Amino acid sequence: MITLEANYSKKIGLPGYSSHQFSVTLKSELSDVAQVEQESARLYDVLQQSVDSNIQQIGFLPSEAKSNGHQNGNGNGHHKPQDDKWACSDKQRDLILKITDENKLDKAKVDQLAQDRFGKGVKALNKLEASGLIEELLEQTGQSKPRGQRFQKAGAR
């Protein structure tokens, strides 16, 4: 008998320098090593869906945000129209759009990547999640460079 143990964990930054983390571990017994790949993929899907659906319940925050329970993260209090509102910083939004446009990436596929990785669309990503998406987009487009060199203008040496 083969025992396969899988764990999925996610930590999310919240307003007021707070965060919360949720983790689920499952064990599965297999009779054949050939089942490992399929079973691990199944376990990952089950774990990811469980964690992602449960971590959305924020619970207590040390200092409750504005009356609606959300902050826009840029501290200026101005709200963009709901259709154009992004949860990450304006600079992160601009960089995601720049990478997408310059590399002619399908916006639906970028949004699906965000859904797969974080359980939400690109516009709903917080700063930490947007940072992870940016890193992944840079890697996928072959632009991943050591920190400090990443944001130089083209042609700068």
N, C-alpha and C. Protein backbone atom coordinates (compact mmCIF):
# COMPACT_ATOMS: atom_id res chain seq x y z
N MET A 1 0.85 -1.18 0.00
CA MET A 1 0.00 0.00 0.00
C MET A 1 0.90 1.24 0.00
N ILE A 2 0.57 2.22 -0.84
CA ILE A 2 1.32 3.48 -0.95
C ILE A 2 0.47 4.58 -0.34
N THR A 3 1.06 5.35 0.56
CA THR A 3 0.35 6.48 1.16
C THR A 3 0.86 7.76 0.52
N LEU A 4 -0.06 8.54 0.00
CA LEU A 4 0.25 9.82 -0.63
C LEU A 4 -0.33 10.91 0.26
N GLU A 5 0.51 11.85 0.67
CA GLU A 5 0.05 12.95 1.52
C GLU A 5 0.28 14.25 0.77
N ALA A 6 -0.77 15.08 0.68
CA ALA A 6 -0.68 16.35 -0.04
C ALA A 6 -1.17 17.47 0.87
N ASN A 7 -0.50 18.62 0.77
CA ASN A 7 -0.86 19.79 1.56
C ASN A 7 -0.94 20.99 0.64
N TYR A 8 -1.93 21.83 0.88
CA TYR A 8 -2.06 23.09 0.14
C TYR A 8 -2.27 24.18 1.17
N SER A 9 -1.50 25.24 1.05
CA SER A 9 -1.56 26.32 2.01
C SER A 9 -1.53 27.65 1.28
N LYS A 10 -2.22 28.64 1.81
CA LYS A 10 -2.22 29.96 1.21
C LYS A 10 -2.21 31.00 2.31
N LYS A 11 -1.38 32.02 2.14
CA LYS A 11 -1.32 33.14 3.08
C LYS A 11 -1.66 34.40 2.30
N ILE A 12 -2.55 35.21 2.85
CA ILE A 12 -3.02 36.41 2.16
C ILE A 12 -2.79 37.62 3.05
N GLY A 13 -2.21 38.66 2.46
CA GLY A 13 -2.04 39.93 3.16
C GLY A 13 -3.37 40.65 3.25
N LEU A 14 -3.61 41.28 4.38
CA LEU A 14 -4.86 42.00 4.62
C LEU A 14 -4.55 43.44 5.03
N PRO A 15 -5.55 44.31 5.02
CA PRO A 15 -5.33 45.70 5.44
C PRO A 15 -4.77 45.77 6.86
N GLY A 16 -4.10 46.86 7.17
CA GLY A 16 -3.57 47.07 8.51
C GLY A 16 -2.40 46.15 8.83
N TYR A 17 -1.60 45.79 7.84
CA TYR A 17 -0.43 44.93 8.02
C TYR A 17 -0.79 43.59 8.65
N SER A 18 -1.97 43.12 8.35
CA SER A 18 -2.44 41.84 8.87
C SER A 18 -2.39 40.81 7.75
N SER A 19 -2.52 39.56 8.13
CA SER A 19 -2.61 38.50 7.14
C SER A 19 -3.30 37.31 7.78
N HIS A 20 -3.75 36.40 6.95
CA HIS A 20 -4.24 35.13 7.48
C HIS A 20 -3.82 34.02 6.53
N GLN A 21 -3.76 32.83 7.10
CA GLN A 21 -3.28 31.67 6.36
C GLN A 21 -4.23 30.52 6.61
N PHE A 22 -4.42 29.70 5.59
CA PHE A 22 -5.25 28.52 5.74
C PHE A 22 -4.55 27.36 5.03
N SER A 23 -4.59 26.20 5.64
CA SER A 23 -3.89 25.04 5.09
C SER A 23 -4.75 23.80 5.28
N VAL A 24 -4.72 22.92 4.29
CA VAL A 24 -5.43 21.65 4.37
C VAL A 24 -4.47 20.55 3.93
N THR A 25 -4.48 19.43 4.65
CA THR A 25 -3.66 18.28 4.29
C THR A 25 -4.57 17.07 4.13
N LEU A 26 -4.33 16.30 3.08
CA LEU A 26 -5.09 15.07 2.83
C LEU A 26 -4.13 13.91 2.65
N LYS A 27 -4.58 12.73 3.06
CA LYS A 27 -3.83 11.50 2.81
C LYS A 27 -4.69 10.59 1.94
N SER A 28 -4.03 9.89 1.05
CA SER A 28 -4.72 8.96 0.17
C SER A 28 -3.88 7.69 0.06
N GLU A 29 -4.54 6.55 0.07
CA GLU A 29 -3.82 5.29 -0.07
C GLU A 29 -4.00 4.76 -1.47
N LEU A 30 -2.89 4.32 -2.06
CA LEU A 30 -2.90 3.80 -3.42
C LEU A 30 -2.38 2.37 -3.42
N SER A 31 -2.85 1.60 -4.35
CA SER A 31 -2.37 0.22 -4.45
C SER A 31 -1.30 0.06 -5.53
N ASP A 32 -1.17 1.09 -6.39
CA ASP A 32 -0.23 0.98 -7.51
C ASP A 32 0.49 2.31 -7.71
N VAL A 33 1.80 2.28 -7.87
CA VAL A 33 2.59 3.49 -8.05
C VAL A 33 2.19 4.23 -9.33
N ALA A 34 1.62 3.55 -10.29
CA ALA A 34 1.17 4.19 -11.54
C ALA A 34 0.02 5.16 -11.30
N GLN A 35 -0.63 5.08 -10.14
CA GLN A 35 -1.75 5.96 -9.81
C GLN A 35 -1.30 7.29 -9.21
N VAL A 36 -0.02 7.41 -8.87
CA VAL A 36 0.47 8.58 -8.13
C VAL A 36 0.22 9.89 -8.88
N GLU A 37 0.57 9.96 -10.13
CA GLU A 37 0.43 11.22 -10.88
C GLU A 37 -1.03 11.67 -10.95
N GLN A 38 -1.92 10.77 -11.30
CA GLN A 38 -3.33 11.12 -11.41
C GLN A 38 -3.92 11.49 -10.05
N GLU A 39 -3.57 10.73 -9.02
CA GLU A 39 -4.12 10.99 -7.69
C GLU A 39 -3.57 12.30 -7.12
N SER A 40 -2.28 12.60 -7.37
CA SER A 40 -1.76 13.86 -6.85
C SER A 40 -2.40 15.05 -7.54
N ALA A 41 -2.70 14.94 -8.82
CA ALA A 41 -3.40 16.02 -9.52
C ALA A 41 -4.80 16.20 -8.95
N ARG A 42 -5.48 15.09 -8.66
CA ARG A 42 -6.83 15.17 -8.08
C ARG A 42 -6.79 15.80 -6.69
N LEU A 43 -5.83 15.36 -5.88
CA LEU A 43 -5.70 15.92 -4.53
C LEU A 43 -5.41 17.41 -4.58
N TYR A 44 -4.52 17.82 -5.49
CA TYR A 44 -4.19 19.24 -5.60
C TYR A 44 -5.44 20.05 -5.93
N ASP A 45 -6.23 19.59 -6.90
CA ASP A 45 -7.46 20.30 -7.26
C ASP A 45 -8.42 20.41 -6.09
N VAL A 46 -8.61 19.32 -5.37
CA VAL A 46 -9.52 19.32 -4.22
C VAL A 46 -9.01 20.27 -3.14
N LEU A 47 -7.72 20.19 -2.84
CA LEU A 47 -7.13 21.05 -1.81
C LEU A 47 -7.20 22.52 -2.21
N GLN A 48 -6.84 22.83 -3.44
CA GLN A 48 -6.84 24.22 -3.88
C GLN A 48 -8.25 24.81 -3.80
N GLN A 49 -9.24 24.08 -4.28
CA GLN A 49 -10.62 24.58 -4.23
C GLN A 49 -11.08 24.79 -2.80
N SER A 50 -10.73 23.87 -1.91
CA SER A 50 -11.13 23.98 -0.51
C SER A 50 -10.49 25.19 0.16
N VAL A 51 -9.18 25.33 0.01
CA VAL A 51 -8.48 26.46 0.64
C VAL A 51 -8.97 27.77 0.04
N ASP A 52 -9.05 27.85 -1.28
CA ASP A 52 -9.44 29.11 -1.91
C ASP A 52 -10.86 29.54 -1.53
N SER A 53 -11.77 28.59 -1.40
CA SER A 53 -13.14 28.97 -1.03
C SER A 53 -13.23 29.37 0.44
N ASN A 54 -12.44 28.75 1.31
CA ASN A 54 -12.50 29.06 2.73
C ASN A 54 -11.72 30.30 3.13
N ILE A 55 -10.62 30.58 2.46
CA ILE A 55 -9.77 31.71 2.86
C ILE A 55 -10.42 33.05 2.53
N GLN A 56 -11.47 33.03 1.74
CA GLN A 56 -12.16 34.27 1.39
C GLN A 56 -12.89 34.88 2.59
N GLN A 57 -13.12 34.10 3.62
CA GLN A 57 -13.77 34.60 4.83
C GLN A 57 -12.70 35.21 5.72
N ILE A 58 -12.57 36.51 5.69
CA ILE A 58 -11.47 37.21 6.35
C ILE A 58 -11.53 37.11 7.87
N GLY A 59 -12.70 37.28 8.44
CA GLY A 59 -12.80 37.24 9.90
C GLY A 59 -12.32 38.54 10.53
N PHE A 60 -11.88 38.47 11.76
CA PHE A 60 -11.47 39.64 12.53
C PHE A 60 -10.21 40.28 11.94
N LEU A 61 -10.22 41.61 11.87
CA LEU A 61 -9.03 42.38 11.50
C LEU A 61 -8.65 43.25 12.69
N PRO A 62 -7.36 43.38 12.98
CA PRO A 62 -6.94 44.19 14.13
C PRO A 62 -7.51 45.60 14.12
N SER A 63 -7.51 46.25 13.00
CA SER A 63 -8.16 47.56 12.89
C SER A 63 -9.05 47.50 11.67
N GLU A 64 -10.35 47.43 11.91
CA GLU A 64 -11.28 47.29 10.80
C GLU A 64 -11.05 48.40 9.79
N ALA A 65 -11.08 48.03 8.53
CA ALA A 65 -10.91 48.99 7.45
C ALA A 65 -12.15 49.88 7.39
N LYS A 66 -12.26 50.65 6.35
CA LYS A 66 -13.41 51.55 6.19
C LYS A 66 -14.70 50.78 6.41
N SER A 67 -15.78 51.49 6.50
CA SER A 67 -17.06 50.87 6.85
C SER A 67 -17.46 49.73 5.92
N ASN A 68 -17.00 49.75 4.68
CA ASN A 68 -17.36 48.65 3.78
C ASN A 68 -16.41 47.47 3.93
N GLY A 69 -15.38 47.59 4.80
CA GLY A 69 -14.48 46.48 5.04
C GLY A 69 -13.37 46.35 4.03
N HIS A 70 -13.22 47.33 3.14
CA HIS A 70 -12.18 47.25 2.12
C HIS A 70 -11.39 48.55 2.06
N GLN A 71 -10.14 48.44 1.71
CA GLN A 71 -9.31 49.60 1.42
C GLN A 71 -8.82 49.43 0.00
N ASN A 72 -8.60 50.56 -0.69
CA ASN A 72 -8.14 50.42 -2.06
C ASN A 72 -6.63 50.31 -2.14
N GLY A 73 -5.92 50.44 -1.02
CA GLY A 73 -4.50 50.17 -1.00
C GLY A 73 -3.63 51.33 -1.37
N ASN A 74 -4.19 52.41 -1.98
CA ASN A 74 -3.33 53.51 -2.35
C ASN A 74 -3.47 54.69 -1.41
N GLY A 75 -4.37 54.61 -0.43
CA GLY A 75 -4.45 55.59 0.62
C GLY A 75 -5.02 56.92 0.22
N ASN A 76 -5.40 57.12 -1.04
CA ASN A 76 -5.90 58.44 -1.42
C ASN A 76 -7.41 58.56 -1.28
N GLY A 77 -8.10 57.48 -1.01
CA GLY A 77 -9.53 57.53 -0.77
C GLY A 77 -10.37 57.70 -2.02
N HIS A 78 -9.75 57.90 -3.17
CA HIS A 78 -10.51 58.04 -4.41
C HIS A 78 -10.87 56.67 -4.93
N HIS A 79 -12.06 56.56 -5.45
CA HIS A 79 -12.49 55.28 -5.99
C HIS A 79 -12.70 55.40 -7.48
N LYS A 80 -12.20 54.44 -8.21
CA LYS A 80 -12.41 54.38 -9.65
C LYS A 80 -13.76 53.74 -9.89
N PRO A 81 -14.31 53.90 -11.08
CA PRO A 81 -15.57 53.20 -11.38
C PRO A 81 -15.40 51.70 -11.11
N GLN A 82 -16.44 51.05 -10.67
CA GLN A 82 -16.36 49.65 -10.26
C GLN A 82 -15.78 48.75 -11.36
N ASP A 83 -16.12 49.02 -12.62
CA ASP A 83 -15.64 48.19 -13.71
C ASP A 83 -14.13 48.28 -13.87
N ASP A 84 -13.52 49.42 -13.50
CA ASP A 84 -12.09 49.63 -13.71
C ASP A 84 -11.31 49.52 -12.41
N LYS A 85 -11.94 49.14 -11.34
CA LYS A 85 -11.27 49.07 -10.03
C LYS A 85 -10.39 47.83 -9.95
N TRP A 86 -9.14 48.05 -9.59
CA TRP A 86 -8.19 46.97 -9.37
C TRP A 86 -7.83 46.98 -7.89
N ALA A 87 -7.66 45.81 -7.29
CA ALA A 87 -7.33 45.72 -5.86
C ALA A 87 -5.84 45.97 -5.60
N CYS A 88 -4.99 45.77 -6.61
CA CYS A 88 -3.55 45.97 -6.43
C CYS A 88 -3.22 47.46 -6.59
N SER A 89 -1.95 47.80 -6.52
CA SER A 89 -1.55 49.20 -6.69
C SER A 89 -1.67 49.62 -8.15
N ASP A 90 -1.73 50.92 -8.37
CA ASP A 90 -1.80 51.44 -9.73
C ASP A 90 -0.56 51.05 -10.54
N LYS A 91 0.60 51.06 -9.90
CA LYS A 91 1.84 50.69 -10.60
C LYS A 91 1.80 49.22 -11.01
N GLN A 92 1.27 48.35 -10.14
CA GLN A 92 1.17 46.93 -10.49
C GLN A 92 0.18 46.75 -11.64
N ARG A 93 -0.96 47.43 -11.58
CA ARG A 93 -1.94 47.36 -12.67
C ARG A 93 -1.28 47.77 -13.98
N ASP A 94 -0.57 48.91 -13.96
CA ASP A 94 0.08 49.41 -15.18
C ASP A 94 1.11 48.42 -15.71
N LEU A 95 1.88 47.79 -14.80
CA LEU A 95 2.91 46.84 -15.24
C LEU A 95 2.27 45.57 -15.84
N ILE A 96 1.21 45.08 -15.21
CA ILE A 96 0.50 43.90 -15.75
C ILE A 96 -0.02 44.22 -17.15
N LEU A 97 -0.63 45.39 -17.31
CA LEU A 97 -1.15 45.77 -18.62
C LEU A 97 -0.03 45.96 -19.64
N LYS A 98 1.09 46.54 -19.20
CA LYS A 98 2.23 46.76 -20.09
C LYS A 98 2.80 45.42 -20.58
N ILE A 99 3.01 44.48 -19.65
CA ILE A 99 3.55 43.16 -20.02
C ILE A 99 2.59 42.46 -20.98
N THR A 100 1.30 42.55 -20.67
CA THR A 100 0.28 41.91 -21.51
C THR A 100 0.27 42.51 -22.91
N ASP A 101 0.28 43.84 -22.97
CA ASP A 101 0.21 44.52 -24.28
C ASP A 101 1.49 44.32 -25.09
N GLU A 102 2.66 44.55 -24.46
CA GLU A 102 3.92 44.47 -25.19
C GLU A 102 4.20 43.07 -25.72
N ASN A 103 3.72 42.06 -25.02
CA ASN A 103 3.96 40.68 -25.43
C ASN A 103 2.77 40.06 -26.15
N LYS A 104 1.77 40.90 -26.44
CA LYS A 104 0.56 40.47 -27.15
C LYS A 104 -0.05 39.23 -26.51
N LEU A 105 -0.13 39.25 -25.15
CA LEU A 105 -0.73 38.14 -24.42
C LEU A 105 -2.25 38.27 -24.47
N ASP A 106 -2.92 37.16 -24.53
CA ASP A 106 -4.38 37.12 -24.51
C ASP A 106 -4.83 37.48 -23.09
N LYS A 107 -5.58 38.58 -22.97
CA LYS A 107 -6.01 39.04 -21.64
C LYS A 107 -6.87 37.98 -20.93
N ALA A 108 -7.64 37.23 -21.69
CA ALA A 108 -8.46 36.17 -21.09
C ALA A 108 -7.56 35.08 -20.48
N LYS A 109 -6.43 34.79 -21.16
CA LYS A 109 -5.52 33.78 -20.63
C LYS A 109 -4.78 34.29 -19.40
N VAL A 110 -4.45 35.57 -19.37
CA VAL A 110 -3.81 36.16 -18.18
C VAL A 110 -4.79 36.12 -17.02
N ASP A 111 -6.05 36.44 -17.29
CA ASP A 111 -7.08 36.38 -16.25
C ASP A 111 -7.27 34.94 -15.76
N GLN A 112 -7.22 33.97 -16.68
CA GLN A 112 -7.35 32.56 -16.30
C GLN A 112 -6.16 32.13 -15.45
N LEU A 113 -4.96 32.63 -15.77
CA LEU A 113 -3.78 32.33 -14.97
C LEU A 113 -3.99 32.83 -13.54
N ALA A 114 -4.53 34.03 -13.40
CA ALA A 114 -4.82 34.57 -12.07
C ALA A 114 -5.86 33.70 -11.36
N GLN A 115 -6.89 33.26 -12.09
CA GLN A 115 -7.91 32.38 -11.51
C GLN A 115 -7.28 31.07 -11.03
N ASP A 116 -6.41 30.50 -11.86
CA ASP A 116 -5.78 29.23 -11.51
C ASP A 116 -4.89 29.36 -10.28
N ARG A 117 -4.12 30.44 -10.22
CA ARG A 117 -3.14 30.61 -9.14
C ARG A 117 -3.75 31.14 -7.84
N PHE A 118 -4.74 32.05 -7.98
CA PHE A 118 -5.22 32.76 -6.79
C PHE A 118 -6.72 32.67 -6.56
N GLY A 119 -7.43 31.99 -7.45
CA GLY A 119 -8.87 31.81 -7.27
C GLY A 119 -9.68 33.07 -7.53
N LYS A 120 -9.11 34.03 -8.27
CA LYS A 120 -9.82 35.26 -8.59
C LYS A 120 -9.22 35.88 -9.84
N GLY A 121 -9.97 36.77 -10.46
CA GLY A 121 -9.52 37.44 -11.67
C GLY A 121 -8.41 38.45 -11.39
N VAL A 122 -7.77 38.92 -12.44
CA VAL A 122 -6.63 39.84 -12.33
C VAL A 122 -7.00 41.09 -11.54
N LYS A 123 -8.15 41.69 -11.82
CA LYS A 123 -8.53 42.94 -11.17
C LYS A 123 -8.76 42.77 -9.67
N ALA A 124 -9.04 41.56 -9.21
CA ALA A 124 -9.32 41.31 -7.80
C ALA A 124 -8.07 40.95 -7.00
N LEU A 125 -6.91 40.81 -7.65
CA LEU A 125 -5.69 40.43 -6.95
C LEU A 125 -5.22 41.53 -6.01
N ASN A 126 -4.84 41.15 -4.80
CA ASN A 126 -4.26 42.13 -3.89
C ASN A 126 -2.80 42.36 -4.29
N LYS A 127 -2.10 43.20 -3.56
CA LYS A 127 -0.72 43.55 -3.93
C LYS A 127 0.21 42.34 -3.95
N LEU A 128 0.10 41.48 -2.96
CA LEU A 128 0.96 40.30 -2.88
C LEU A 128 0.69 39.36 -4.05
N GLU A 129 -0.58 39.12 -4.34
CA GLU A 129 -0.95 38.23 -5.44
C GLU A 129 -0.55 38.83 -6.78
N ALA A 130 -0.77 40.14 -6.95
CA ALA A 130 -0.38 40.81 -8.20
C ALA A 130 1.12 40.70 -8.42
N SER A 131 1.88 40.81 -7.35
CA SER A 131 3.33 40.66 -7.45
C SER A 131 3.70 39.27 -7.95
N GLY A 132 3.02 38.25 -7.44
CA GLY A 132 3.26 36.89 -7.90
C GLY A 132 2.89 36.70 -9.36
N LEU A 133 1.78 37.31 -9.78
CA LEU A 133 1.36 37.23 -11.18
C LEU A 133 2.38 37.92 -12.08
N ILE A 134 2.86 39.08 -11.67
CA ILE A 134 3.85 39.82 -12.46
C ILE A 134 5.11 38.97 -12.63
N GLU A 135 5.59 38.36 -11.54
CA GLU A 135 6.77 37.50 -11.63
C GLU A 135 6.55 36.37 -12.63
N GLU A 136 5.37 35.76 -12.58
CA GLU A 136 5.08 34.64 -13.48
C GLU A 136 4.99 35.11 -14.93
N LEU A 137 4.37 36.27 -15.16
CA LEU A 137 4.28 36.81 -16.52
C LEU A 137 5.67 37.14 -17.06
N LEU A 138 6.52 37.71 -16.22
CA LEU A 138 7.88 38.03 -16.65
C LEU A 138 8.65 36.76 -17.00
N GLU A 139 8.48 35.72 -16.20
CA GLU A 139 9.15 34.44 -16.50
C GLU A 139 8.63 33.85 -17.80
N GLN A 140 7.32 33.87 -17.98
CA GLN A 140 6.71 33.29 -19.19
C GLN A 140 7.14 34.02 -20.46
N THR A 141 7.41 35.32 -20.32
CA THR A 141 7.78 36.11 -21.51
C THR A 141 9.29 36.25 -21.63
N GLY A 142 10.04 35.53 -20.78
CA GLY A 142 11.49 35.54 -20.87
C GLY A 142 12.11 36.84 -20.41
N GLN A 143 11.41 37.59 -19.58
CA GLN A 143 11.91 38.88 -19.11
C GLN A 143 12.41 38.84 -17.68
N SER A 144 12.39 37.67 -17.08
CA SER A 144 12.79 37.56 -15.68
C SER A 144 14.28 37.84 -15.57
N LYS A 145 14.63 38.88 -14.81
CA LYS A 145 16.02 39.29 -14.64
C LYS A 145 16.29 39.46 -13.15
N PRO A 146 17.55 39.51 -12.76
CA PRO A 146 17.84 39.77 -11.36
C PRO A 146 17.23 41.09 -10.92
N ARG A 147 16.79 41.15 -9.68
CA ARG A 147 16.21 42.39 -9.16
C ARG A 147 17.17 43.54 -9.38
N GLY A 148 16.61 44.71 -9.63
CA GLY A 148 17.45 45.88 -9.87
C GLY A 148 17.66 46.10 -11.35
N GLN A 149 17.62 45.05 -12.16
CA GLN A 149 17.78 45.19 -13.60
C GLN A 149 16.43 45.06 -14.30
N ARG A 150 15.44 44.57 -13.60
CA ARG A 150 14.18 44.20 -14.22
C ARG A 150 13.47 45.38 -14.89
N PHE A 151 13.55 46.58 -14.30
CA PHE A 151 12.71 47.67 -14.80
C PHE A 151 13.50 48.71 -15.57
N GLN A 152 14.71 48.36 -16.03
CA GLN A 152 15.45 49.29 -16.87
C GLN A 152 14.74 49.41 -18.21
N LYS A 153 14.87 50.58 -18.80
CA LYS A 153 14.27 50.79 -20.11
C LYS A 153 15.02 49.97 -21.14
N ALA A 154 14.33 49.61 -22.20
CA ALA A 154 14.96 48.84 -23.29
C ALA A 154 16.12 49.66 -23.83
N GLY A 155 17.22 49.01 -24.07
CA GLY A 155 18.39 49.66 -24.62
C GLY A 155 19.35 50.17 -23.56
N ALA A 156 18.90 50.27 -22.31
CA ALA A 156 19.79 50.72 -21.23
C ALA A 156 20.75 49.59 -20.88
N ARG A 157 21.98 49.92 -20.61
CA ARG A 157 22.96 48.88 -20.30
C ARG A 157 23.65 49.19 -19.02
